[in-house]
Amino acid sequence: MDKKRLVMIPGPTPVVDSIRAEMAREIQAFGDPRFIADYKGLIDDLHEMFGNEDGGKTFVLAGSGTLGMEMAIANSTKRGDKVLVVSHGFFGDRFVDICTAKGIEVDTIKSEWGKTVPVADIEAQLSKKDYAAMTVSHVDTSTSVVADVAAIGAMMKKFPNTIYIVDGICSSAAQYENLAEMNIDILFTGSQKAFGVCPGLFMLWANKKAMERRESLGVIPEYYVDYKRWVPIMDDPMNYFATPAINLIWALKESVRIIKAEGGLKARYERHLKHARAINKAMEALGLKLLAEEGCRAVTLSDVLYPEGVDCLAFRKAMIAEGVIVAGGLGAYKGKMFRMGHMGNIETNDVVAALSSLERVLNGFGKLSKFGAGVSTYLAEMAK
C-alpha cells in the first residue's frame, strides 16, 4: 500500500474533501441555468470580497497564474511603453520576459533575496520616468518575502497615470488584500495556492482605472486575455466566448464558502499569520535559519536554509520517505534550502505531521539535538 504523502509545497496545496467533492460532480452544460447562476454568484462574491469597485471587473478564467500576469500587462500597456518591475525574487523577474516579448521597455528594481525593496526607493525610481505600469509580487515564493502592498499603494497615489499591478499568486486568500483599501489597480492569483483548489483557474481583479486604461488602448494584439472578450461573460455567463472550467468553478465556489464561514479574508489572514509565526519559531528551535528577514516574512510559506553538510536531493527524498513533500530552492539558493508551504486549508495536524517528519529526517542527517523541539514549540505558540 502506498504511503499517504502530505503536500507541503508552495502550491498546489492540499485540497479538502468538500472542495474535492465539487470536482467529482456530474458535469453540466455551460449554458445550464444552474451553472450560470453558480458562475455569476462566484464572480460577484470575489468582486465584493476583494474590494473591487463599481466600474471595475472581476474575471474568473481557465488558465495558470502566468496567464494572469500576461493578462494584466496586455490590457494595461502597448508597445513602446515603460514598465517598472519591483522584484523580490525569481518570480518577479518573469514580468520582464512578458514585457520584453510585447516590445515594452522594462526597468527592474531588485532587493537582496530575503529582503524587500524600500518604498522610498520605488518612489524615487517612479519619479524618473513616465511608467505606464508597475508590478509587485505580494509574496515571492523563491524568497518567502512579503511586500508591503498597502504602503506601496498609498505611495502610488502620487503617480495616478501608472497602473499598479499586484501579483497575488502566493498571497491572495492568505495575506490580506483589498483593491479599494490598498489602492491596487490590478490583482491576480491562481486557484491552487491559498484558495486550496486544484490548479487550472486564475482570477483577476481590474478596478475602474484599469478598465479605463484598457479602453484607451483600442485594439490590442492579444486574443484570449483581452478584457473586452470576457467582460460580456463576466457580466452574464449565459454569453459565450470559450468553454469555462465548470468543475473547477464549483470547487472555487466551495473555497469561497469556506472563507466566508471562517469569517472572511481578515480572519483567514490572522489564522495564516498564527500558523506561520509558530512554524517560524519551530524552525528556529530546531536550529534552522530562515531566508526571509524578520519583519518581511510571508504567512504562506517558509524558505529554510539547510544545515551545513545536508544535500538537498537526499534531504527531499528522505522527507518523501517520511510522507511529506517539500520544494527545493530556486535561483542562487537552488540546493541550499527547502521551501515549505503552509497556506490554504491546512490544519494544525498537518503542520505537526510535517514538523515531526522534519525532525526524523534531521536526526537521520545527524542534525537534530533533541526530538520534539520543533513540534513542542509550534504547539506552544499555537496555544497562546
Protein backbone atom coordinates (compact mmCIF):
# COMPACT_ATOMS: atom_id res chain seq x y z
CA MET A 1 0.00 0.00 0.00
CA ASP A 2 1.39 3.40 -0.97
CA LYS A 3 2.14 5.74 1.92
CA LYS A 4 -0.06 8.82 2.05
CA ARG A 5 2.01 11.88 1.20
CA LEU A 6 1.31 15.31 2.61
CA VAL A 7 1.97 18.00 0.00
CA MET A 8 3.64 20.93 1.79
CA ILE A 9 4.99 22.84 -1.18
CA PRO A 10 4.16 26.47 -2.13
CA GLY A 11 1.39 25.18 -4.42
CA PRO A 12 -0.56 23.22 -5.27
CA THR A 13 -1.74 22.97 -1.68
CA PRO A 14 -3.80 20.17 -0.08
CA VAL A 15 -7.44 20.05 -1.24
CA VAL A 16 -10.04 19.36 1.44
CA ASP A 17 -12.85 16.85 0.95
CA SER A 18 -15.66 19.35 0.31
CA ILE A 19 -13.69 21.07 -2.46
CA ARG A 20 -12.62 17.73 -3.93
CA ALA A 21 -16.27 16.64 -3.97
CA GLU A 22 -17.12 19.58 -6.22
CA MET A 23 -14.52 18.35 -8.70
CA ALA A 24 -16.32 14.98 -8.79
CA ARG A 25 -19.79 16.33 -9.55
CA GLU A 26 -21.58 15.21 -12.68
CA ILE A 27 -20.82 17.67 -15.46
CA GLN A 28 -23.35 20.29 -16.51
CA ALA A 29 -23.60 22.21 -19.75
CA PHE A 30 -22.02 25.64 -19.53
CA GLY A 31 -25.37 27.05 -20.63
CA ASP A 32 -27.29 25.23 -17.89
CA PRO A 33 -29.13 27.88 -15.81
CA ARG A 34 -27.88 26.19 -12.62
CA PHE A 35 -24.23 26.55 -13.66
CA ILE A 36 -24.78 30.09 -14.94
CA ALA A 37 -26.12 31.06 -11.51
CA ASP A 38 -23.16 29.40 -9.78
CA TYR A 39 -20.61 31.10 -12.04
CA LYS A 40 -22.17 34.55 -11.70
CA GLY A 41 -22.51 34.15 -7.94
CA LEU A 42 -18.82 33.28 -7.67
CA ILE A 43 -17.75 36.28 -9.76
CA ASP A 44 -19.89 38.63 -7.67
CA ASP A 45 -18.63 37.15 -4.39
CA LEU A 46 -14.98 37.59 -5.40
CA HIS A 47 -15.66 41.10 -6.70
CA GLU A 48 -17.05 42.16 -3.32
CA MET A 49 -14.67 40.11 -1.17
CA PHE A 50 -11.54 41.75 -2.61
CA GLY A 51 -12.90 45.29 -2.64
CA ASN A 52 -13.35 45.86 -6.34
CA GLU A 53 -15.47 48.87 -7.22
CA ASP A 54 -18.33 49.84 -9.50
CA GLY A 55 -16.83 50.17 -12.96
CA GLY A 56 -14.20 47.55 -12.19
CA LYS A 57 -14.40 43.95 -13.40
CA THR A 58 -13.55 40.60 -11.84
CA PHE A 59 -12.50 37.74 -14.10
CA VAL A 60 -12.53 34.00 -13.26
CA LEU A 61 -10.98 32.12 -16.17
CA ALA A 62 -9.33 28.86 -17.14
CA GLY A 63 -5.54 29.16 -17.15
CA SER A 64 -2.47 29.39 -14.95
CA GLY A 65 -1.27 32.29 -12.83
CA THR A 66 1.26 33.14 -15.53
CA LEU A 67 -1.65 33.78 -17.88
CA GLY A 68 -2.92 36.22 -15.27
CA MET A 69 0.43 38.02 -15.43
CA GLU A 70 0.12 38.29 -19.20
CA MET A 71 -3.49 39.47 -18.99
CA ALA A 72 -2.51 42.25 -16.60
CA ILE A 73 0.25 43.53 -18.88
CA ALA A 74 -1.69 43.06 -22.13
CA ASN A 75 -4.59 45.23 -21.01
CA SER A 76 -2.50 47.97 -19.37
CA THR A 77 0.30 48.68 -21.84
CA LYS A 78 1.19 48.98 -25.51
CA ARG A 79 4.40 48.51 -27.47
CA GLY A 80 6.91 51.22 -26.59
CA ASP A 81 5.52 51.86 -23.10
CA LYS A 82 7.68 51.75 -19.98
CA VAL A 83 7.04 49.35 -17.09
CA LEU A 84 8.76 49.21 -13.70
CA VAL A 85 9.16 45.71 -12.23
CA VAL A 86 9.74 45.57 -8.48
CA SER A 87 11.35 42.18 -7.90
CA HIS A 88 11.76 40.39 -4.59
CA GLY A 89 12.96 37.14 -6.15
CA PHE A 90 12.70 34.69 -9.02
CA PHE A 91 9.05 35.21 -9.99
CA GLY A 92 9.17 38.99 -10.03
CA ASP A 93 11.58 38.65 -12.92
CA ARG A 94 9.03 36.73 -15.02
CA PHE A 95 7.30 40.01 -15.75
CA VAL A 96 10.46 41.12 -17.55
CA ASP A 97 10.09 38.33 -20.13
CA ILE A 98 6.39 39.05 -20.64
CA CYS A 99 7.01 42.77 -21.15
CA THR A 100 10.01 42.25 -23.41
CA ALA A 101 8.00 39.93 -25.68
CA LYS A 102 5.45 42.73 -26.07
CA GLY A 103 8.07 45.33 -27.00
CA ILE A 104 7.88 47.20 -23.72
CA GLU A 105 10.82 48.98 -22.12
CA VAL A 106 11.44 47.45 -18.69
CA ASP A 107 13.28 48.78 -15.68
CA THR A 108 13.80 46.47 -12.72
CA ILE A 109 14.45 47.40 -9.13
CA LYS A 110 15.53 44.41 -7.04
CA SER A 111 16.06 43.59 -3.42
CA GLU A 112 18.64 41.26 -1.97
CA TRP A 113 16.96 37.87 -1.56
CA GLY A 114 15.34 37.72 1.86
CA LYS A 115 14.70 41.47 1.95
CA THR A 116 12.22 43.88 0.36
CA VAL A 117 12.72 46.96 -1.79
CA PRO A 118 12.09 50.06 0.38
CA VAL A 119 9.01 52.04 -0.63
CA ALA A 120 11.15 55.19 -0.84
CA ASP A 121 13.37 53.51 -3.44
CA ILE A 122 10.34 52.58 -5.52
CA GLU A 123 9.04 56.14 -5.34
CA ALA A 124 12.43 57.52 -6.37
CA GLN A 125 12.51 55.29 -9.46
CA LEU A 126 8.92 56.14 -10.43
CA SER A 127 9.86 59.82 -10.33
CA LYS A 128 12.47 59.34 -13.05
CA LYS A 129 10.20 58.26 -15.92
CA ASP A 130 6.61 58.13 -17.09
CA TYR A 131 5.76 54.48 -16.39
CA ALA A 132 2.57 53.01 -17.85
CA ALA A 133 2.51 50.32 -15.17
CA MET A 134 4.39 48.96 -12.18
CA THR A 135 4.36 45.34 -10.98
CA VAL A 136 4.96 43.98 -7.49
CA SER A 137 4.76 40.38 -6.26
CA HIS A 138 2.94 40.44 -2.92
CA VAL A 139 4.75 37.21 -1.98
CA ASP A 140 7.60 35.76 -3.99
CA THR A 141 7.80 32.02 -3.34
CA SER A 142 11.52 31.90 -4.15
CA THR A 143 12.31 34.05 -1.12
CA SER A 144 9.15 33.84 1.09
CA VAL A 145 9.32 37.63 1.33
CA VAL A 146 6.10 39.66 1.60
CA ALA A 147 5.93 43.17 0.15
CA ASP A 148 4.00 45.92 1.93
CA VAL A 149 1.49 46.39 -0.87
CA ALA A 150 -0.65 48.73 1.24
CA ALA A 151 2.24 51.15 1.84
CA ILE A 152 3.21 50.94 -1.83
CA GLY A 153 -0.40 51.60 -2.82
CA ALA A 154 -0.56 54.70 -0.64
CA MET A 155 2.62 55.98 -2.29
CA MET A 156 1.20 55.22 -5.76
CA LYS A 157 -1.41 57.96 -5.28
CA LYS A 158 1.40 60.34 -6.28
CA PHE A 159 1.56 58.59 -9.68
CA PRO A 160 -2.04 58.46 -10.90
CA ASN A 161 -1.08 57.66 -14.50
CA THR A 162 0.73 54.45 -13.55
CA ILE A 163 -1.28 51.22 -13.26
CA TYR A 164 -0.37 49.43 -10.02
CA ILE A 165 -0.32 45.66 -10.66
CA VAL A 166 -0.02 43.21 -7.75
CA ASP A 167 0.89 39.55 -8.29
CA GLY A 168 -1.15 37.76 -5.65
CA ILE A 169 -0.46 34.21 -6.80
CA CYS A 170 1.09 33.12 -3.50
CA SER A 171 -0.74 35.61 -1.29
CA SER A 172 -4.41 36.06 -2.18
CA ALA A 173 -6.78 34.47 0.35
CA ALA A 174 -3.96 34.31 2.94
CA GLN A 175 -2.19 37.68 3.11
CA TYR A 176 -4.91 40.32 3.40
CA GLU A 177 -5.66 42.17 0.15
CA ASN A 178 -8.29 44.75 -0.79
CA LEU A 179 -8.17 46.77 -4.01
CA ALA A 180 -10.01 49.83 -2.70
CA GLU A 181 -8.25 49.98 0.67
CA MET A 182 -4.77 49.43 -0.79
CA ASN A 183 -5.13 51.49 -3.99
CA ILE A 184 -4.42 48.42 -6.14
CA ASP A 185 -5.47 48.73 -9.79
CA ILE A 186 -4.98 45.10 -10.85
CA LEU A 187 -4.64 41.98 -8.69
CA PHE A 188 -4.42 38.40 -9.95
CA THR A 189 -3.93 34.95 -8.46
CA GLY A 190 -4.28 31.23 -9.12
CA SER A 191 -6.68 28.66 -7.72
CA GLN A 192 -4.03 26.23 -6.44
CA LYS A 193 -2.40 28.31 -3.71
CA ALA A 194 -4.16 29.83 -0.70
CA PHE A 195 -7.63 29.19 -2.12
CA GLY A 196 -6.86 25.48 -1.74
CA VAL A 197 -8.29 24.40 -5.10
CA CYS A 198 -6.69 22.25 -7.80
CA PRO A 199 -4.62 24.06 -10.47
CA GLY A 200 -6.43 25.34 -13.55
CA LEU A 201 -8.09 28.68 -12.79
CA PHE A 202 -6.77 32.20 -12.48
CA MET A 203 -8.66 35.16 -11.10
CA LEU A 204 -8.01 38.78 -11.96
CA TRP A 205 -9.48 41.93 -10.45
CA ALA A 206 -9.26 45.15 -12.52
CA ASN A 207 -10.62 48.36 -11.00
CA LYS A 208 -12.29 51.22 -12.85
CA LYS A 209 -8.96 52.93 -13.59
CA ALA A 210 -7.56 49.71 -15.06
CA MET A 211 -10.65 49.22 -17.24
CA GLU A 212 -10.37 52.81 -18.47
CA ARG A 213 -6.73 52.14 -19.40
CA ARG A 214 -7.83 49.13 -21.45
CA GLU A 215 -10.38 51.31 -23.26
CA SER A 216 -7.69 53.86 -24.11
CA LEU A 217 -5.55 51.22 -25.84
CA GLY A 218 -8.04 50.45 -28.59
CA VAL A 219 -7.32 47.17 -30.38
CA ILE A 220 -4.65 45.04 -28.72
CA PRO A 221 -2.77 42.11 -30.31
CA GLU A 222 -3.67 39.60 -27.60
CA TYR A 223 -6.75 37.42 -28.06
CA TYR A 224 -7.64 35.12 -25.16
CA VAL A 225 -6.58 37.56 -22.43
CA ASP A 226 -8.31 40.65 -23.85
CA TYR A 227 -10.63 42.06 -21.17
CA LYS A 228 -13.13 43.06 -23.86
CA ARG A 229 -13.71 39.48 -24.95
CA TRP A 230 -14.50 38.39 -21.40
CA VAL A 231 -16.48 41.31 -19.96
CA PRO A 232 -19.78 40.15 -21.55
CA ILE A 233 -19.32 36.70 -20.00
CA MET A 234 -18.39 38.04 -16.56
CA ASP A 235 -21.48 40.28 -16.71
CA ASP A 236 -23.71 37.40 -17.81
CA PRO A 237 -22.26 33.86 -18.10
CA MET A 238 -25.12 32.98 -20.44
CA ASN A 239 -22.91 34.60 -23.08
CA TYR A 240 -20.12 32.52 -24.61
CA PHE A 241 -16.53 33.10 -25.65
CA ALA A 242 -14.60 29.99 -24.54
CA THR A 243 -15.62 26.95 -22.50
CA PRO A 244 -15.37 27.57 -18.74
CA ALA A 245 -13.72 25.05 -16.40
CA ILE A 246 -17.05 24.01 -14.91
CA ASN A 247 -15.99 21.70 -12.07
CA LEU A 248 -13.11 23.98 -11.09
CA ILE A 249 -15.55 26.87 -10.83
CA TRP A 250 -17.70 24.80 -8.48
CA ALA A 251 -14.58 23.94 -6.49
CA LEU A 252 -13.62 27.62 -6.21
CA LYS A 253 -17.18 28.47 -5.20
CA GLU A 254 -16.83 25.99 -2.32
CA SER A 255 -13.48 27.57 -1.38
CA VAL A 256 -15.14 30.98 -1.18
CA ARG A 257 -17.87 29.47 1.02
CA ILE A 258 -15.18 28.14 3.37
CA ILE A 259 -13.51 31.58 3.50
CA LYS A 260 -16.82 33.23 4.37
CA ALA A 261 -17.51 30.63 7.06
CA GLU A 262 -14.08 31.31 8.52
CA GLY A 263 -15.03 34.96 8.94
CA GLY A 264 -13.71 36.49 5.73
CA LEU A 265 -10.28 37.46 4.44
CA LYS A 266 -9.12 39.24 7.60
CA ALA A 267 -9.90 36.26 9.80
CA ARG A 268 -8.24 33.95 7.29
CA TYR A 269 -5.13 36.14 7.35
CA GLU A 270 -5.00 36.01 11.16
CA ARG A 271 -5.12 32.19 11.06
CA HIS A 272 -2.33 32.08 8.47
CA LEU A 273 -0.29 34.57 10.50
CA LYS A 274 -0.58 32.49 13.69
CA HIS A 275 0.42 29.27 11.91
CA ALA A 276 3.31 30.96 10.10
CA ARG A 277 4.83 32.60 13.16
CA ALA A 278 4.54 29.36 15.13
CA ILE A 279 6.24 27.47 12.27
CA ASN A 280 8.98 30.11 12.10
CA LYS A 281 9.70 29.65 15.81
CA ALA A 282 9.61 25.86 15.43
CA MET A 283 12.24 26.02 12.68
CA GLU A 284 14.46 28.23 14.82
CA ALA A 285 14.00 25.87 17.79
CA LEU A 286 15.43 23.13 15.56
CA GLY A 287 18.48 25.31 14.89
CA LEU A 288 17.40 26.14 11.33
CA LYS A 289 17.68 29.57 9.70
CA LEU A 290 15.05 31.27 7.55
CA LEU A 291 15.93 33.15 4.37
CA ALA A 292 13.43 35.98 4.80
CA GLU A 293 14.30 38.61 7.37
CA GLU A 294 12.04 39.03 10.37
CA GLY A 295 9.54 41.77 9.57
CA CYS A 296 9.02 40.75 5.95
CA ARG A 297 8.21 37.05 6.27
CA ALA A 298 5.18 35.81 4.35
CA VAL A 299 2.42 33.85 6.06
CA THR A 300 2.05 31.42 3.15
CA LEU A 301 5.41 29.62 3.16
CA SER A 302 8.83 29.40 4.81
CA ASP A 303 12.17 29.16 2.99
CA VAL A 304 14.53 27.26 5.27
CA LEU A 305 18.31 27.09 4.80
CA TYR A 306 19.92 23.68 5.10
CA PRO A 307 22.39 22.99 7.92
CA GLU A 308 25.95 22.61 6.69
CA GLY A 309 26.59 19.27 5.03
CA VAL A 310 22.97 18.44 4.12
CA ASP A 311 22.44 17.50 0.46
CA CYS A 312 19.20 18.91 -1.00
CA LEU A 313 18.21 15.92 -3.10
CA ALA A 314 18.95 13.43 -0.33
CA PHE A 315 17.02 15.57 2.17
CA ARG A 316 13.92 15.87 0.00
CA LYS A 317 13.99 12.15 -0.80
CA ALA A 318 14.15 11.41 2.91
CA MET A 319 11.18 13.73 3.51
CA ILE A 320 9.19 11.91 0.84
CA ALA A 321 10.03 8.61 2.52
CA GLU A 322 8.59 10.09 5.71
CA GLY A 323 5.41 11.06 3.83
CA VAL A 324 5.95 14.81 3.32
CA ILE A 325 6.81 16.65 0.11
CA VAL A 326 8.66 19.98 0.29
CA ALA A 327 10.06 22.08 -2.56
CA GLY A 328 13.66 22.92 -3.35
CA GLY A 329 15.27 26.32 -3.57
CA LEU A 330 15.42 28.45 -6.72
CA GLY A 331 18.00 30.70 -8.34
CA ALA A 332 21.10 31.29 -6.30
CA TYR A 333 19.58 29.23 -3.47
CA LYS A 334 19.00 26.10 -5.51
CA GLY A 335 20.35 23.20 -3.43
CA LYS A 336 20.80 25.48 -0.40
CA MET A 337 17.33 25.47 1.12
CA PHE A 338 13.90 23.86 1.11
CA ARG A 339 10.58 25.65 0.80
CA MET A 340 7.62 24.55 2.91
CA GLY A 341 4.16 25.84 2.11
CA HIS A 342 1.63 26.39 4.88
CA MET A 343 -1.34 28.04 3.22
CA GLY A 344 -4.90 27.37 2.22
CA ASN A 345 -6.97 24.99 4.31
CA ILE A 346 -4.19 23.16 6.15
CA GLU A 347 -4.80 22.39 9.82
CA THR A 348 -2.66 22.04 12.95
CA ASN A 349 -2.44 18.26 12.49
CA ASP A 350 -0.96 18.75 9.02
CA VAL A 351 1.76 21.02 10.38
CA VAL A 352 2.52 18.70 13.29
CA ALA A 353 2.91 15.80 10.86
CA ALA A 354 5.24 17.86 8.66
CA LEU A 355 7.39 19.04 11.58
CA SER A 356 7.56 15.53 13.03
CA SER A 357 8.79 14.21 9.68
CA LEU A 358 11.32 17.03 9.51
CA GLU A 359 12.69 16.14 12.93
CA ARG A 360 13.13 12.50 11.94
CA VAL A 361 14.92 13.46 8.74
CA LEU A 362 17.21 15.92 10.53
CA ASN A 363 18.02 13.18 13.02
CA GLY A 364 18.95 10.89 10.15
CA PHE A 365 21.41 13.51 8.94
CA GLY A 366 22.84 13.93 12.44
CA LYS A 367 21.46 17.47 12.67
CA LEU A 368 18.91 17.09 15.49
CA SER A 369 19.84 17.83 19.10
CA LYS A 370 16.52 16.73 20.68
CA PHE A 371 13.33 15.15 19.45
CA GLY A 372 10.21 17.24 19.92
CA ALA A 373 11.82 20.69 19.96
CA GLY A 374 10.10 21.80 16.78
CA VAL A 375 6.72 20.21 17.41
CA SER A 376 6.51 21.37 21.04
CA THR A 377 7.48 24.92 20.12
CA TYR A 378 4.87 25.03 17.38
CA LEU A 379 2.11 23.68 19.65
CA ALA A 380 3.06 26.05 22.46
CA GLU A 381 2.86 29.05 20.11
CA MET A 382 -0.48 27.87 18.70
CA ALA A 383 -1.86 27.53 22.22
CA LYS A 384 -1.23 31.19 23.04
